[in-house]
Amino acid sequence: MSTFGDYIKKEREKKEMTQDKLSKILDIPYTDVSKIERGKKKFKFEKLNRLAEILNVDLQQLKDLYGADIMIEQKTKYQCSDAVFSVAESQSKYIKEKNVKQGKMKF
């Protein structure tokens, strides 16, 4: 497994694409690509679709890596244990089930 930035770098290099070329295609500053790949700057969520197209990668996988980086950042910020991920998974399942049940209710 890798971070969002590591993944972007690996996929960009597979395409033999420079940071400069990727920055021009995405219309972002060249220095931002380097910072994003090193985890020093957040990539704009609104550009994920375009990035997936450019790198020819699965959009859902890209979203999952993006979200995982955010979760890890928050875990560190709030000094949570690794158990927070299991709790979040359980909560996610609970919310999905709750929403499905509410959607089936007839009034």
N, C-alpha and C. Protein backbone atom coordinates (compact mmCIF):
# COMPACT_ATOMS: atom_id res chain seq x y z
N MET A 1 0.85 -1.18 0.00
CA MET A 1 0.00 0.00 0.00
C MET A 1 0.89 1.24 0.00
N SER A 2 0.36 2.31 -0.51
CA SER A 2 1.13 3.55 -0.57
C SER A 2 0.24 4.73 -0.21
N THR A 3 0.86 5.87 -0.03
CA THR A 3 0.10 7.09 0.21
C THR A 3 -0.44 7.60 -1.12
N PHE A 4 -1.33 8.56 -1.05
CA PHE A 4 -1.88 9.17 -2.25
C PHE A 4 -0.74 9.75 -3.11
N GLY A 5 0.15 10.49 -2.48
CA GLY A 5 1.26 11.11 -3.21
C GLY A 5 2.19 10.10 -3.84
N ASP A 6 2.52 9.04 -3.10
CA ASP A 6 3.38 7.97 -3.64
C ASP A 6 2.74 7.33 -4.87
N TYR A 7 1.44 7.10 -4.76
CA TYR A 7 0.70 6.47 -5.85
C TYR A 7 0.72 7.36 -7.10
N ILE A 8 0.48 8.65 -6.91
CA ILE A 8 0.48 9.59 -8.03
C ILE A 8 1.85 9.59 -8.71
N LYS A 9 2.89 9.65 -7.91
CA LYS A 9 4.25 9.67 -8.46
C LYS A 9 4.52 8.40 -9.26
N LYS A 10 4.17 7.25 -8.69
CA LYS A 10 4.41 5.97 -9.36
C LYS A 10 3.67 5.90 -10.69
N GLU A 11 2.40 6.30 -10.68
CA GLU A 11 1.60 6.24 -11.91
C GLU A 11 2.09 7.26 -12.95
N ARG A 12 2.48 8.43 -12.48
CA ARG A 12 3.01 9.45 -13.39
C ARG A 12 4.28 8.94 -14.06
N GLU A 13 5.16 8.35 -13.27
CA GLU A 13 6.42 7.84 -13.81
C GLU A 13 6.19 6.66 -14.77
N LYS A 14 5.18 5.83 -14.50
CA LYS A 14 4.84 4.74 -15.42
C LYS A 14 4.51 5.29 -16.81
N LYS A 15 3.87 6.45 -16.82
CA LYS A 15 3.49 7.09 -18.08
C LYS A 15 4.63 7.91 -18.67
N GLU A 16 5.79 7.87 -17.99
CA GLU A 16 6.96 8.65 -18.41
C GLU A 16 6.60 10.12 -18.55
N MET A 17 5.84 10.60 -17.58
CA MET A 17 5.37 11.99 -17.57
C MET A 17 6.14 12.76 -16.51
N THR A 18 6.60 13.94 -16.87
CA THR A 18 7.30 14.79 -15.89
C THR A 18 6.28 15.49 -14.99
N GLN A 19 6.77 15.97 -13.87
CA GLN A 19 5.92 16.76 -12.98
C GLN A 19 5.43 18.01 -13.70
N ASP A 20 6.30 18.58 -14.51
CA ASP A 20 5.94 19.79 -15.25
C ASP A 20 4.79 19.52 -16.22
N LYS A 21 4.87 18.41 -16.93
CA LYS A 21 3.81 18.08 -17.89
C LYS A 21 2.48 17.84 -17.16
N LEU A 22 2.52 17.10 -16.06
CA LEU A 22 1.30 16.84 -15.30
C LEU A 22 0.72 18.14 -14.76
N SER A 23 1.57 19.02 -14.29
CA SER A 23 1.08 20.29 -13.75
C SER A 23 0.39 21.12 -14.83
N LYS A 24 0.94 21.09 -16.04
CA LYS A 24 0.32 21.85 -17.14
C LYS A 24 -1.04 21.26 -17.53
N ILE A 25 -1.12 19.94 -17.59
CA ILE A 25 -2.38 19.29 -17.96
C ILE A 25 -3.46 19.57 -16.91
N LEU A 26 -3.05 19.55 -15.63
CA LEU A 26 -4.01 19.78 -14.54
C LEU A 26 -4.24 21.27 -14.26
N ASP A 27 -3.43 22.10 -14.88
CA ASP A 27 -3.51 23.55 -14.67
C ASP A 27 -3.29 23.90 -13.19
N ILE A 28 -2.19 23.34 -12.66
CA ILE A 28 -1.77 23.67 -11.30
C ILE A 28 -0.28 24.03 -11.35
N PRO A 29 0.21 24.77 -10.36
CA PRO A 29 1.63 25.12 -10.36
C PRO A 29 2.53 23.88 -10.33
N TYR A 30 3.63 23.96 -11.03
CA TYR A 30 4.60 22.87 -11.10
C TYR A 30 5.04 22.44 -9.70
N THR A 31 5.29 23.40 -8.84
CA THR A 31 5.77 23.09 -7.50
C THR A 31 4.73 22.31 -6.69
N ASP A 32 3.46 22.48 -7.03
CA ASP A 32 2.40 21.76 -6.30
C ASP A 32 2.48 20.27 -6.55
N VAL A 33 2.83 19.85 -7.76
CA VAL A 33 2.92 18.41 -8.05
C VAL A 33 3.96 17.76 -7.15
N SER A 34 5.10 18.39 -7.01
CA SER A 34 6.15 17.87 -6.14
C SER A 34 5.67 17.80 -4.69
N LYS A 35 5.02 18.84 -4.23
CA LYS A 35 4.51 18.88 -2.85
C LYS A 35 3.44 17.83 -2.62
N ILE A 36 2.56 17.64 -3.59
CA ILE A 36 1.50 16.63 -3.48
C ILE A 36 2.12 15.23 -3.41
N GLU A 37 3.09 14.97 -4.26
CA GLU A 37 3.73 13.66 -4.28
C GLU A 37 4.47 13.38 -2.97
N ARG A 38 4.98 14.41 -2.32
CA ARG A 38 5.69 14.25 -1.05
C ARG A 38 4.76 14.35 0.17
N GLY A 39 3.48 14.56 -0.07
CA GLY A 39 2.53 14.66 1.03
C GLY A 39 2.57 15.97 1.77
N LYS A 40 3.11 17.00 1.14
CA LYS A 40 3.24 18.31 1.77
C LYS A 40 2.10 19.26 1.40
N LYS A 41 1.30 18.85 0.43
CA LYS A 41 0.18 19.68 -0.02
C LYS A 41 -0.96 18.76 -0.42
N LYS A 42 -2.17 19.21 -0.16
CA LYS A 42 -3.35 18.43 -0.53
C LYS A 42 -3.71 18.68 -2.00
N PHE A 43 -4.08 17.63 -2.67
CA PHE A 43 -4.57 17.72 -4.03
C PHE A 43 -6.03 18.15 -3.94
N LYS A 44 -6.49 18.95 -4.88
CA LYS A 44 -7.89 19.39 -4.87
C LYS A 44 -8.81 18.26 -5.29
N PHE A 45 -9.75 17.95 -4.41
CA PHE A 45 -10.68 16.84 -4.66
C PHE A 45 -11.41 17.02 -5.99
N GLU A 46 -11.72 18.25 -6.34
CA GLU A 46 -12.47 18.53 -7.56
C GLU A 46 -11.72 18.09 -8.82
N LYS A 47 -10.41 17.87 -8.71
CA LYS A 47 -9.61 17.49 -9.87
C LYS A 47 -9.32 15.99 -9.92
N LEU A 48 -9.89 15.22 -8.98
CA LEU A 48 -9.61 13.78 -8.96
C LEU A 48 -10.07 13.07 -10.24
N ASN A 49 -11.24 13.43 -10.74
CA ASN A 49 -11.73 12.80 -11.97
C ASN A 49 -10.74 13.00 -13.11
N ARG A 50 -10.28 14.23 -13.26
CA ARG A 50 -9.34 14.55 -14.34
C ARG A 50 -8.02 13.80 -14.15
N LEU A 51 -7.55 13.74 -12.91
CA LEU A 51 -6.30 13.03 -12.62
C LEU A 51 -6.43 11.55 -12.97
N ALA A 52 -7.56 10.94 -12.62
CA ALA A 52 -7.79 9.53 -12.95
C ALA A 52 -7.75 9.32 -14.46
N GLU A 53 -8.35 10.25 -15.20
CA GLU A 53 -8.34 10.15 -16.67
C GLU A 53 -6.92 10.27 -17.22
N ILE A 54 -6.19 11.25 -16.73
CA ILE A 54 -4.83 11.50 -17.23
C ILE A 54 -3.92 10.30 -16.98
N LEU A 55 -4.00 9.75 -15.76
CA LEU A 55 -3.13 8.64 -15.40
C LEU A 55 -3.71 7.29 -15.79
N ASN A 56 -4.96 7.30 -16.27
CA ASN A 56 -5.66 6.07 -16.65
C ASN A 56 -5.69 5.07 -15.49
N VAL A 57 -6.17 5.58 -14.34
CA VAL A 57 -6.27 4.76 -13.14
C VAL A 57 -7.72 4.74 -12.66
N ASP A 58 -8.02 3.81 -11.79
CA ASP A 58 -9.36 3.66 -11.25
C ASP A 58 -9.71 4.82 -10.33
N LEU A 59 -10.80 5.51 -10.63
CA LEU A 59 -11.22 6.67 -9.84
C LEU A 59 -11.52 6.29 -8.40
N GLN A 60 -12.18 5.15 -8.18
CA GLN A 60 -12.52 4.76 -6.81
C GLN A 60 -11.26 4.51 -5.98
N GLN A 61 -10.27 3.87 -6.58
CA GLN A 61 -9.01 3.63 -5.86
C GLN A 61 -8.35 4.96 -5.50
N LEU A 62 -8.40 5.90 -6.41
CA LEU A 62 -7.83 7.23 -6.18
C LEU A 62 -8.56 7.92 -5.02
N LYS A 63 -9.89 7.83 -5.03
CA LYS A 63 -10.69 8.43 -3.94
C LYS A 63 -10.37 7.77 -2.60
N ASP A 64 -10.21 6.45 -2.62
CA ASP A 64 -9.91 5.72 -1.38
C ASP A 64 -8.55 6.14 -0.81
N LEU A 65 -7.56 6.25 -1.66
CA LEU A 65 -6.24 6.70 -1.20
C LEU A 65 -6.31 8.13 -0.68
N TYR A 66 -7.04 8.97 -1.37
CA TYR A 66 -7.22 10.37 -0.98
C TYR A 66 -7.87 10.44 0.41
N GLY A 67 -8.95 9.69 0.57
CA GLY A 67 -9.66 9.68 1.86
C GLY A 67 -8.81 9.10 2.97
N ALA A 68 -8.05 8.05 2.67
CA ALA A 68 -7.19 7.43 3.68
C ALA A 68 -6.14 8.41 4.18
N ASP A 69 -5.57 9.20 3.28
CA ASP A 69 -4.59 10.21 3.70
C ASP A 69 -5.22 11.21 4.66
N ILE A 70 -6.46 11.61 4.37
CA ILE A 70 -7.15 12.57 5.24
C ILE A 70 -7.41 11.93 6.61
N MET A 71 -7.85 10.67 6.61
CA MET A 71 -8.12 9.99 7.87
C MET A 71 -6.85 9.88 8.72
N ILE A 72 -5.75 9.54 8.09
CA ILE A 72 -4.50 9.40 8.83
C ILE A 72 -4.05 10.75 9.38
N GLU A 73 -4.23 11.79 8.59
CA GLU A 73 -3.87 13.13 9.05
C GLU A 73 -4.68 13.51 10.30
N GLN A 74 -5.98 13.22 10.27
CA GLN A 74 -6.84 13.53 11.41
C GLN A 74 -6.51 12.65 12.62
N LYS A 75 -6.21 11.37 12.38
CA LYS A 75 -5.82 10.47 13.46
C LYS A 75 -4.60 11.01 14.18
N THR A 76 -3.64 11.47 13.41
CA THR A 76 -2.42 12.02 13.99
C THR A 76 -2.70 13.33 14.72
N LYS A 77 -3.47 14.19 14.09
CA LYS A 77 -3.80 15.49 14.68
C LYS A 77 -4.45 15.33 16.05
N TYR A 78 -5.39 14.39 16.15
CA TYR A 78 -6.15 14.21 17.39
C TYR A 78 -5.58 13.12 18.30
N GLN A 79 -4.42 12.60 17.92
CA GLN A 79 -3.69 11.59 18.70
C GLN A 79 -4.56 10.37 19.02
N CYS A 80 -5.26 9.89 18.03
CA CYS A 80 -6.08 8.69 18.18
C CYS A 80 -5.22 7.45 17.98
N SER A 81 -5.66 6.34 18.53
CA SER A 81 -4.96 5.07 18.30
C SER A 81 -5.40 4.50 16.95
N ASP A 82 -4.74 3.44 16.53
CA ASP A 82 -5.12 2.80 15.27
C ASP A 82 -6.52 2.20 15.34
N ALA A 83 -7.05 2.02 16.54
CA ALA A 83 -8.40 1.48 16.70
C ALA A 83 -9.45 2.38 16.06
N VAL A 84 -9.12 3.64 15.86
CA VAL A 84 -10.07 4.58 15.26
C VAL A 84 -10.53 4.09 13.88
N PHE A 85 -9.68 3.38 13.17
CA PHE A 85 -10.05 2.91 11.83
C PHE A 85 -11.12 1.80 11.91
N SER A 86 -10.99 0.92 12.89
CA SER A 86 -12.01 -0.11 13.09
C SER A 86 -13.34 0.50 13.52
N VAL A 87 -13.25 1.48 14.39
CA VAL A 87 -14.45 2.18 14.85
C VAL A 87 -15.12 2.87 13.67
N ALA A 88 -14.33 3.54 12.84
CA ALA A 88 -14.88 4.24 11.67
C ALA A 88 -15.53 3.26 10.71
N GLU A 89 -14.93 2.11 10.51
CA GLU A 89 -15.52 1.09 9.63
C GLU A 89 -16.86 0.62 10.17
N SER A 90 -16.92 0.38 11.47
CA SER A 90 -18.18 -0.04 12.10
C SER A 90 -19.24 1.05 11.97
N GLN A 91 -18.85 2.28 12.20
CA GLN A 91 -19.80 3.39 12.07
C GLN A 91 -20.29 3.53 10.65
N SER A 92 -19.42 3.35 9.69
CA SER A 92 -19.81 3.45 8.29
C SER A 92 -20.86 2.40 7.95
N LYS A 93 -20.64 1.17 8.40
CA LYS A 93 -21.61 0.10 8.16
C LYS A 93 -22.94 0.41 8.84
N TYR A 94 -22.87 0.90 10.06
CA TYR A 94 -24.09 1.25 10.81
C TYR A 94 -24.88 2.33 10.07
N ILE A 95 -24.20 3.36 9.60
CA ILE A 95 -24.87 4.46 8.90
C ILE A 95 -25.50 3.97 7.60
N LYS A 96 -24.79 3.12 6.86
CA LYS A 96 -25.35 2.56 5.62
C LYS A 96 -26.62 1.77 5.90
N GLU A 97 -26.56 0.90 6.92
CA GLU A 97 -27.73 0.09 7.28
C GLU A 97 -28.88 0.98 7.73
N LYS A 98 -28.58 1.97 8.51
CA LYS A 98 -29.60 2.90 9.01
C LYS A 98 -30.27 3.62 7.85
N ASN A 99 -29.47 4.08 6.90
CA ASN A 99 -30.02 4.78 5.74
C ASN A 99 -30.87 3.87 4.86
N VAL A 100 -30.47 2.61 4.73
CA VAL A 100 -31.24 1.66 3.93
C VAL A 100 -32.59 1.41 4.60
N LYS A 101 -32.57 1.22 5.91
CA LYS A 101 -33.81 0.98 6.64
C LYS A 101 -34.74 2.18 6.55
N GLN A 102 -34.20 3.38 6.68
CA GLN A 102 -35.01 4.58 6.60
C GLN A 102 -35.58 4.76 5.20
N GLY A 103 -34.84 4.34 4.21
CA GLY A 103 -35.30 4.47 2.83
C GLY A 103 -36.46 3.53 2.53
N LYS A 104 -36.59 2.45 3.29
CA LYS A 104 -37.65 1.47 3.06
C LYS A 104 -38.93 1.80 3.82
N MET A 105 -38.86 2.75 4.73
CA MET A 105 -40.02 3.10 5.53
C MET A 105 -41.09 3.75 4.65
N LYS A 106 -42.34 3.39 4.92
CA LYS A 106 -43.44 3.96 4.17
C LYS A 106 -44.25 4.86 5.08
N PHE A 107 -44.59 6.01 4.56
CA PHE A 107 -45.37 6.97 5.38
C PHE A 107 -46.74 7.13 4.80
